[in-house]
Every structure is written in structure tokens, then in C-alpha cells.
C-alpha atoms as a PDB file:
ATOM      1  CA  MET A   1       0.000   0.000   0.000  1.00  0.00           C
ATOM      2  CA  THR A   2       2.222   2.754  -1.207  1.00  0.00           C
ATOM      3  CA  GLY A   3       1.247   6.368  -1.261  1.00  0.00           C
ATOM      4  CA  LEU A   4      -0.765   6.162   1.955  1.00  0.00           C
ATOM      5  CA  THR A   5       0.042   8.597   4.710  1.00  0.00           C
ATOM      6  CA  PRO A   6      -0.888   7.492   8.213  1.00  0.00           C
ATOM      7  CA  SER A   7      -3.336   9.839   9.856  1.00  0.00           C
ATOM      8  CA  PHE A   8      -2.177  11.643  12.944  1.00  0.00           C
ATOM      9  CA  PRO A   9      -3.560  11.702  15.468  1.00  0.00           C
ATOM     10  CA  PRO A  10      -4.774   8.130  15.072  1.00  0.00           C
ATOM     11  CA  PRO A  11      -8.494   7.812  14.257  1.00  0.00           C
ATOM     12  CA  PHE A  12      -9.309   6.392  17.693  1.00  0.00           C
ATOM     13  CA  LEU A  13      -8.203   9.710  19.225  1.00  0.00           C
ATOM     14  CA  ALA A  14     -10.241  11.945  16.923  1.00  0.00           C
ATOM     15  CA  GLY A  15     -12.306  14.240  19.098  1.00  0.00           C
ATOM     16  CA  SER A  16     -10.638  12.947  22.253  1.00  0.00           C
ATOM     17  CA  SER A  17      -9.359  15.229  24.975  1.00  0.00           C
ATOM     18  CA  LEU A  18      -6.013  13.494  24.451  1.00  0.00           C
ATOM     19  CA  VAL A  19      -5.518  15.101  21.033  1.00  0.00           C
ATOM     20  CA  GLY A  20      -2.830  17.705  21.591  1.00  0.00           C
ATOM     21  CA  SER A  21      -1.678  15.916  24.742  1.00  0.00           C
ATOM     22  CA  SER A  22       2.053  15.984  25.318  1.00  0.00           C
ATOM     23  CA  LEU A  23       2.006  12.150  25.272  1.00  0.00           C
ATOM     24  CA  VAL A  24       0.526  11.546  21.819  1.00  0.00           C
ATOM     25  CA  GLY A  25       3.128   9.863  19.625  1.00  0.00           C
ATOM     26  CA  LYS A  26       5.724   9.628  22.406  1.00  0.00           C
ATOM     27  CA  ARG A  27       7.862   6.491  22.685  1.00  0.00           C
ATOM     28  CA  VAL A  28       7.440   5.347  26.292  1.00  0.00           C
ATOM     29  CA  MET A  29       9.794   2.775  27.764  1.00  0.00           C
ATOM     30  CA  VAL A  30       8.105   0.590  30.373  1.00  0.00           C
ATOM     31  CA  ALA A  31       9.957  -1.479  32.984  1.00  0.00           C
ATOM     32  CA  GLU A  32       7.443  -3.514  35.003  1.00  0.00           C
ATOM     33  CA  ASP A  33       7.587  -7.123  36.183  1.00  0.00           C
ATOM     34  CA  GLU A  34       3.991  -7.602  37.360  1.00  0.00           C
ATOM     35  CA  LEU A  35       1.931  -8.861  34.427  1.00  0.00           C
ATOM     36  CA  LEU A  36      -1.397  -7.274  35.377  1.00  0.00           C
ATOM     37  CA  VAL A  37       0.188  -3.912  36.195  1.00  0.00           C
ATOM     38  CA  SER A  38       2.118  -4.053  32.928  1.00  0.00           C
ATOM     39  CA  MET A  39      -1.072  -4.779  30.970  1.00  0.00           C
ATOM     40  CA  LEU A  40      -2.841  -1.853  32.657  1.00  0.00           C
ATOM     41  CA  ILE A  41       0.057   0.473  31.860  1.00  0.00           C
ATOM     42  CA  GLU A  42       0.076  -0.697  28.241  1.00  0.00           C
ATOM     43  CA  ASP A  43      -3.659   0.084  27.974  1.00  0.00           C
ATOM     44  CA  VAL A  44      -3.214   3.524  29.564  1.00  0.00           C
ATOM     45  CA  LEU A  45      -0.361   4.370  27.203  1.00  0.00           C
ATOM     46  CA  ALA A  46      -2.237   3.116  24.150  1.00  0.00           C
ATOM     47  CA  ASP A  47      -5.267   5.206  25.137  1.00  0.00           C
ATOM     48  CA  ALA A  48      -2.962   8.229  25.422  1.00  0.00           C
ATOM     49  CA  GLY A  49      -1.617   7.633  21.907  1.00  0.00           C
ATOM     50  CA  CYS A  50       1.840   6.533  23.030  1.00  0.00           C
ATOM     51  CA  LEU A  51       4.168   4.045  21.370  1.00  0.00           C
ATOM     52  CA  LEU A  52       5.298   1.323  23.765  1.00  0.00           C
ATOM     53  CA  VAL A  53       8.961   0.417  24.149  1.00  0.00           C
ATOM     54  CA  GLY A  54       9.047  -2.798  26.175  1.00  0.00           C
ATOM     55  CA  PRO A  55       7.840  -3.806  28.629  1.00  0.00           C
ATOM     56  CA  PHE A  56      11.060  -4.955  30.249  1.00  0.00           C
ATOM     57  CA  CYS A  57      10.845  -7.146  33.334  1.00  0.00           C
ATOM     58  CA  THR A  58      14.502  -7.306  34.382  1.00  0.00           C
ATOM     59  CA  VAL A  59      16.916  -4.560  35.343  1.00  0.00           C
ATOM     60  CA  ALA A  60      19.456  -5.865  32.815  1.00  0.00           C
ATOM     61  CA  ASP A  61      16.988  -5.561  29.923  1.00  0.00           C
ATOM     62  CA  ALA A  62      15.731  -2.184  31.144  1.00  0.00           C
ATOM     63  CA  LEU A  63      19.302  -0.909  31.468  1.00  0.00           C
ATOM     64  CA  ALA A  64      20.157  -2.019  27.921  1.00  0.00           C
ATOM     65  CA  ALA A  65      17.084  -0.201  26.602  1.00  0.00           C
ATOM     66  CA  ALA A  66      17.816   2.875  28.727  1.00  0.00           C
ATOM     67  CA  ARG A  67      21.276   3.051  27.184  1.00  0.00           C
ATOM     68  CA  ASP A  68      20.407   2.357  23.554  1.00  0.00           C
ATOM     69  CA  ALA A  69      16.698   2.505  22.665  1.00  0.00           C
ATOM     70  CA  THR A  70      14.973   5.461  21.056  1.00  0.00           C
ATOM     71  CA  ILE A  71      12.830   6.738  23.940  1.00  0.00           C
ATOM     72  CA  ASP A  72      11.024   9.976  24.743  1.00  0.00           C
ATOM     73  CA  ILE A  73      10.128   9.107  28.339  1.00  0.00           C
ATOM     74  CA  ALA A  74      10.238   6.080  30.632  1.00  0.00           C
ATOM     75  CA  LEU A  75       8.039   4.555  33.304  1.00  0.00           C
ATOM     76  CA  LEU A  76      10.097   2.449  35.716  1.00  0.00           C
ATOM     77  CA  ASP A  77       8.925   0.113  38.462  1.00  0.00           C
ATOM     78  CA  VAL A  78      11.478   0.600  41.237  1.00  0.00           C
ATOM     79  CA  ASN A  79      11.780  -3.091  42.114  1.00  0.00           C
ATOM     80  CA  LEU A  80      12.089  -5.570  39.251  1.00  0.00           C
ATOM     81  CA  ARG A  81      12.346  -9.155  40.479  1.00  0.00           C
ATOM     82  CA  GLY A  82      14.141  -8.071  43.637  1.00  0.00           C
ATOM     83  CA  GLN A  83      16.570  -5.674  41.936  1.00  0.00           C
ATOM     84  CA  MET A  84      16.385  -1.902  42.076  1.00  0.00           C
ATOM     85  CA  ILE A  85      15.880  -0.053  38.765  1.00  0.00           C
ATOM     86  CA  TYR A  86      18.186   2.821  39.692  1.00  0.00           C
ATOM     87  CA  PRO A  87      20.983   1.941  37.201  1.00  0.00           C
ATOM     88  CA  ALA A  88      18.474   2.265  34.330  1.00  0.00           C
ATOM     89  CA  ALA A  89      17.157   5.527  35.794  1.00  0.00           C
ATOM     90  CA  GLU A  90      20.695   6.884  35.997  1.00  0.00           C
ATOM     91  CA  ALA A  91      21.358   5.874  32.373  1.00  0.00           C
ATOM     92  CA  LEU A  92      18.183   7.683  31.282  1.00  0.00           C
ATOM     93  CA  ALA A  93      19.135  10.756  33.309  1.00  0.00           C
ATOM     94  CA  ALA A  94      22.593  10.765  31.693  1.00  0.00           C
ATOM     95  CA  ARG A  95      20.894  10.786  28.258  1.00  0.00           C
ATOM     96  CA  GLY A  96      18.524  13.584  29.319  1.00  0.00           C
ATOM     97  CA  ILE A  97      15.458  11.341  28.974  1.00  0.00           C
ATOM     98  CA  PRO A  98      12.693  12.065  31.488  1.00  0.00           C
ATOM     99  CA  PHE A  99      11.310   9.197  33.536  1.00  0.00           C
ATOM    100  CA  LEU A 100       8.855   8.449  36.295  1.00  0.00           C
ATOM    101  CA  LEU A 101       9.406   5.856  39.015  1.00  0.00           C
ATOM    102  CA  LEU A 102       6.557   3.563  40.076  1.00  0.00           C
ATOM    103  CA  SER A 103       6.526   2.107  43.566  1.00  0.00           C
ATOM    104  CA  GLY A 104       4.311   0.894  46.354  1.00  0.00           C
ATOM    105  CA  TYR A 105       6.418   3.169  48.554  1.00  0.00           C
ATOM    106  CA  GLY A 106       5.571   6.306  46.588  1.00  0.00           C
ATOM    107  CA  ARG A 107       7.965   9.202  47.111  1.00  0.00           C
ATOM    108  CA  ASP A 108       9.959   7.153  49.660  1.00  0.00           C
ATOM    109  CA  ALA A 109      11.284   5.087  46.726  1.00  0.00           C
ATOM    110  CA  VAL A 110      13.284   8.073  45.473  1.00  0.00           C
ATOM    111  CA  PRO A 111      16.922   7.673  46.509  1.00  0.00           C
ATOM    112  CA  PRO A 112      18.179  10.444  48.799  1.00  0.00           C
ATOM    113  CA  ASN A 113      20.981  11.308  46.369  1.00  0.00           C
ATOM    114  CA  HIS A 114      18.386  12.040  43.618  1.00  0.00           C
ATOM    115  CA  PRO A 115      15.751  14.271  45.244  1.00  0.00           C
ATOM    116  CA  ASP A 116      14.743  15.638  41.821  1.00  0.00           C
ATOM    117  CA  TRP A 117      13.461  12.222  40.643  1.00  0.00           C
ATOM    118  CA  GLU A 118       9.683  11.814  40.644  1.00  0.00           C
ATOM    119  CA  ALA A 119       7.682   8.798  41.788  1.00  0.00           C
ATOM    120  CA  CYS A 120       4.086   7.696  41.351  1.00  0.00           C
ATOM    121  CA  ALA A 121       2.648   5.532  44.115  1.00  0.00           C
ATOM    122  CA  LYS A 122       1.161   2.121  43.396  1.00  0.00           C
ATOM    123  CA  PRO A 123      -1.690   1.525  43.227  1.00  0.00           C
ATOM    124  CA  PHE A 124      -2.224   4.508  40.952  1.00  0.00           C
ATOM    125  CA  LYS A 125      -5.188   6.134  39.287  1.00  0.00           C
ATOM    126  CA  THR A 126      -4.775   6.076  35.523  1.00  0.00           C
ATOM    127  CA  ALA A 127      -5.537   9.792  35.208  1.00  0.00           C
ATOM    128  CA  GLU A 128      -2.885  10.564  37.823  1.00  0.00           C
ATOM    129  CA  LEU A 129      -0.302   8.428  36.026  1.00  0.00           C
ATOM    130  CA  THR A 130      -1.086  10.046  32.666  1.00  0.00           C
ATOM    131  CA  LYS A 131      -0.823  13.539  34.161  1.00  0.00           C
ATOM    132  CA  MET A 132       2.474  12.783  35.874  1.00  0.00           C
ATOM    133  CA  LEU A 133       3.915  11.406  32.619  1.00  0.00           C
ATOM    134  CA  SER A 134       2.656  14.451  30.689  1.00  0.00           C
ATOM    135  CA  ASP A 135       4.235  16.741  33.262  1.00  0.00           C
ATOM    136  CA  ARG A 136       7.551  14.887  32.924  1.00  0.00           C
ATOM    137  CA  VAL A 137       7.458  15.295  29.139  1.00  0.00           C
ATOM    138  CA  LEU A 138       6.725  19.005  29.446  1.00  0.00           C
ATOM    139  CA  VAL A 139       9.572  19.709  31.858  1.00  0.00           C
ATOM    140  CA  GLY A 140      11.869  17.368  29.942  1.00  0.00           C
ATOM    141  CA  ARG A 141      13.428  15.623  32.896  1.00  0.00           C
END
């Protein structure tokens, strides 16, 4: 099918309040090891018009993606299979890619040596998660 230009925003967003959102078309890296949480995040991101990168369920895979993948923003569960995600977060920060931590501990999951990092508490409301991601995109860190 040559000569076709994909419509943007996608047809499912036509008339939606998400059109013009800072998340539409963004490549979002997801690091999450809980299947149901990951599926919920994927749905939220799809509804927001995002392109999913991942999900990654190990720190090693998330770190490789954080170093090399084309990403606009990342959503990182703090604890992946008993390992802390901080090396991937540091790699993203070094590349200037904004990210948001996810944790059952909320803000307490932010390491003391990185007070500027943001965290969203689990369980989260989808609207809250979407807003926090949008805010991260807008401030660019």
C-alpha cells in the first residue's frame, strides 16, 4: 500500500481530549515485572496515543534499553524481580530522557541522592499516572 500517509492523530483519538496531549506519539519505555500492572500500563499508554517500548521485566533488559533505545520518556517500576531499577534511571538521566518511578512506597522510593526524581505511588489512578507522565514530558526531565 504505497502512497498512503498514516493519519495523525490516530483515528481512535479523533475528538478525544487526548488530542494535543504531550504524550501523543511519544515512545514510552516501560519497565514492570507484574503482568497485570504491565497490561494496565500498556492500555493507559495506548489510550494516550503513546508508542510502547518494552515492557522490560529485568533490570538488565531495562538498562540495555535505557542506554540504547529510542525513547522519549520512561516509566520504571522501582523493584524488578528483587533488583532496584536505579541503574536504568541513571542511564536515562545521563541521556537527558525524562522518567517516572513507580513504587508501592511512593515518594519514599526516590533515593536520597536524587531528590529531583519523581515517583508515582502504586496503586495509581490512571488519570494521575497520565498527568504525571505528561508533566515529565513538558519539563523534559
